[in-house]
C-alpha atoms as a PDB file:
ATOM      1  CA  MET A   1     -12.643   1.916  -8.037  1.00  0.00           C
ATOM      2  CA  ASN A   2     -11.839  -1.787  -8.199  1.00  0.00           C
ATOM      3  CA  SER A   3      -8.378  -2.029  -9.694  1.00  0.00           C
ATOM      4  CA  GLN A   4      -5.487  -4.425  -9.273  1.00  0.00           C
ATOM      5  CA  VAL A   5      -2.299  -2.386  -9.421  1.00  0.00           C
ATOM      6  CA  PRO A   6       1.011  -4.116  -8.644  1.00  0.00           C
ATOM      7  CA  VAL A   7       2.899  -2.199  -5.956  1.00  0.00           C
ATOM      8  CA  GLU A   8       6.036  -2.443  -3.883  1.00  0.00           C
ATOM      9  CA  ILE A   9       5.911  -1.370  -0.264  1.00  0.00           C
ATOM     10  CA  GLU A  10       8.875  -0.247   1.822  1.00  0.00           C
ATOM     11  CA  TRP A  11       8.780   0.281   5.574  1.00  0.00           C
ATOM     12  CA  ARG A  12      11.031   0.400   8.594  1.00  0.00           C
ATOM     13  CA  ASP A  13      10.413  -2.430  11.035  1.00  0.00           C
ATOM     14  CA  ARG A  14       9.984  -0.703  14.390  1.00  0.00           C
ATOM     15  CA  SER A  15      10.998  -3.701  16.495  1.00  0.00           C
ATOM     16  CA  LEU A  16      14.073  -4.679  14.469  1.00  0.00           C
ATOM     17  CA  GLY A  17      15.027  -1.236  13.182  1.00  0.00           C
ATOM     18  CA  ARG A  18      15.584  -2.364   9.600  1.00  0.00           C
ATOM     19  CA  GLU A  19      14.161  -1.556   6.187  1.00  0.00           C
ATOM     20  CA  ASN A  20      11.780  -4.042   4.588  1.00  0.00           C
ATOM     21  CA  HIS A  21      10.436  -4.436   1.050  1.00  0.00           C
ATOM     22  CA  ALA A  22       7.551  -6.504  -0.232  1.00  0.00           C
ATOM     23  CA  GLN A  23       5.460  -6.928  -3.346  1.00  0.00           C
ATOM     24  CA  ALA A  24       1.701  -6.448  -3.038  1.00  0.00           C
ATOM     25  CA  ARG A  25      -1.301  -5.544  -5.161  1.00  0.00           C
ATOM     26  CA  THR A  26      -4.293  -3.336  -4.704  1.00  0.00           C
ATOM     27  CA  ARG A  27      -7.919  -4.413  -4.670  1.00  0.00           C
ATOM     28  CA  VAL A  28      -9.447  -0.955  -4.593  1.00  0.00           C
ATOM     29  CA  VAL A  29      -7.873   2.428  -5.304  1.00  0.00           C
ATOM     30  CA  ASN A  30      -9.062   6.005  -4.949  1.00  0.00           C
ATOM     31  CA  PHE A  31      -7.501   9.455  -4.843  1.00  0.00           C
ATOM     32  CA  TYR A  32      -6.763   9.179  -1.106  1.00  0.00           C
ATOM     33  CA  GLY A  33      -5.395   5.644  -0.864  1.00  0.00           C
ATOM     34  CA  CYS A  34      -6.084   1.990  -1.457  1.00  0.00           C
ATOM     35  CA  LEU A  35      -6.983  -1.384  -0.057  1.00  0.00           C
ATOM     36  CA  LEU A  36      -4.031  -3.646  -0.724  1.00  0.00           C
ATOM     37  CA  VAL A  37      -3.220  -7.290  -0.108  1.00  0.00           C
ATOM     38  CA  THR A  38       0.130  -8.186   1.471  1.00  0.00           C
ATOM     39  CA  ALA A  39       1.771 -11.409   2.582  1.00  0.00           C
ATOM     40  CA  ARG A  40       2.267 -10.131   6.129  1.00  0.00           C
ATOM     41  CA  PRO A  41       0.289  -7.735   8.289  1.00  0.00           C
ATOM     42  CA  MET A  42       1.518  -4.311   9.339  1.00  0.00           C
ATOM     43  CA  ALA A  43       0.659  -2.236  12.378  1.00  0.00           C
ATOM     44  CA  ILE A  44      -1.881   0.559  12.227  1.00  0.00           C
ATOM     45  CA  GLU A  45      -0.044   3.889  11.745  1.00  0.00           C
ATOM     46  CA  GLN A  46       2.924   2.129  10.123  1.00  0.00           C
ATOM     47  CA  LYS A  47       4.519   4.596   7.719  1.00  0.00           C
ATOM     48  CA  LEU A  48       5.594   3.257   4.357  1.00  0.00           C
ATOM     49  CA  VAL A  49       6.569   4.180   0.835  1.00  0.00           C
ATOM     50  CA  LEU A  50       4.257   2.830  -1.839  1.00  0.00           C
ATOM     51  CA  THR A  51       5.613   2.413  -5.385  1.00  0.00           C
ATOM     52  CA  ASN A  52       3.244   1.848  -8.292  1.00  0.00           C
ATOM     53  CA  LEU A  53       5.113  -0.755 -10.360  1.00  0.00           C
ATOM     54  CA  ALA A  54       3.116   0.086 -13.499  1.00  0.00           C
ATOM     55  CA  ASN A  55       4.455   3.663 -13.717  1.00  0.00           C
ATOM     56  CA  ARG A  56       7.357   3.546 -11.152  1.00  0.00           C
ATOM     57  CA  ARG A  57       5.948   6.474  -9.138  1.00  0.00           C
ATOM     58  CA  SER A  58       6.447   6.464  -5.355  1.00  0.00           C
ATOM     59  CA  ILE A  59       4.526   8.193  -2.588  1.00  0.00           C
ATOM     60  CA  GLY A  60       4.507   8.257   1.209  1.00  0.00           C
ATOM     61  CA  ALA A  61       1.609   6.505   2.934  1.00  0.00           C
ATOM     62  CA  VAL A  62       0.380   5.205   6.277  1.00  0.00           C
ATOM     63  CA  VAL A  63      -1.541   2.066   7.257  1.00  0.00           C
ATOM     64  CA  VAL A  64      -4.980   3.040   8.587  1.00  0.00           C
ATOM     65  CA  TYR A  65      -6.748  -0.339   8.595  1.00  0.00           C
ATOM     66  CA  ARG A  66      -5.758  -3.964   9.034  1.00  0.00           C
ATOM     67  CA  GLY A  67      -8.358  -6.427   7.885  1.00  0.00           C
ATOM     68  CA  LYS A  68      -8.569 -10.182   7.946  1.00  0.00           C
ATOM     69  CA  LYS A  69      -6.175 -12.649   6.413  1.00  0.00           C
ATOM     70  CA  GLY A  70      -7.615 -14.267   3.312  1.00  0.00           C
ATOM     71  CA  LEU A  71      -6.289 -16.972   1.028  1.00  0.00           C
ATOM     72  CA  ASP A  72      -4.177 -14.437  -0.865  1.00  0.00           C
ATOM     73  CA  GLY A  73      -2.909 -12.406   2.120  1.00  0.00           C
ATOM     74  CA  TRP A  74      -3.778  -9.631   4.574  1.00  0.00           C
ATOM     75  CA  GLU A  75      -6.054  -6.763   3.596  1.00  0.00           C
ATOM     76  CA  MET A  76      -4.508  -3.422   4.548  1.00  0.00           C
ATOM     77  CA  GLY A  77      -6.084   0.013   4.179  1.00  0.00           C
ATOM     78  CA  VAL A  78      -3.472   2.600   3.208  1.00  0.00           C
ATOM     79  CA  GLU A  79      -3.866   6.377   3.118  1.00  0.00           C
ATOM     80  CA  LEU A  80      -1.601   8.384   0.813  1.00  0.00           C
ATOM     81  CA  ALA A  81       0.289  11.175   2.606  1.00  0.00           C
ATOM     82  CA  ASN A  82       0.080  13.711  -0.253  1.00  0.00           C
ATOM     83  CA  PRO A  83      -2.296  12.321  -2.880  1.00  0.00           C
ATOM     84  CA  GLU A  84      -1.498  12.989  -6.530  1.00  0.00           C
ATOM     85  CA  THR A  85      -4.148  12.775  -9.228  1.00  0.00           C
ATOM     86  CA  ASP A  86      -2.022  10.625 -11.553  1.00  0.00           C
ATOM     87  CA  PHE A  87      -0.353   8.319  -9.006  1.00  0.00           C
ATOM     88  CA  TRP A  88      -2.439   5.269  -9.940  1.00  0.00           C
ATOM     89  CA  GLY A  89      -2.116   5.883 -13.669  1.00  0.00           C
ATOM     90  CA  ILE A  90      -5.882   5.590 -14.186  1.00  0.00           C
ATOM     91  CA  GLU A  91      -8.748   8.061 -14.425  1.00  0.00           C
ATOM     92  CA  LEU A  92     -10.464   8.226 -11.032  1.00  0.00           C
END
């Protein structure tokens, strides 16, 4: 489903060993994950915590796809670790 949901992503930088946070937004969401747009790319298999800023719910996730950089950022495919039916706050 096409849906722009504002999210925050948190991840541990493997090379620097520190926690990072960034704002992003989704382009497409479904029960299993989303396609989101971020300012910087992440590695495939990067683990992260995704927080839906509309309802403040958080969930573990992993990057499964890194697309091209567009005018508004990098497209990243993210799979939710333990999908929840109400995580996105919309009827899927």
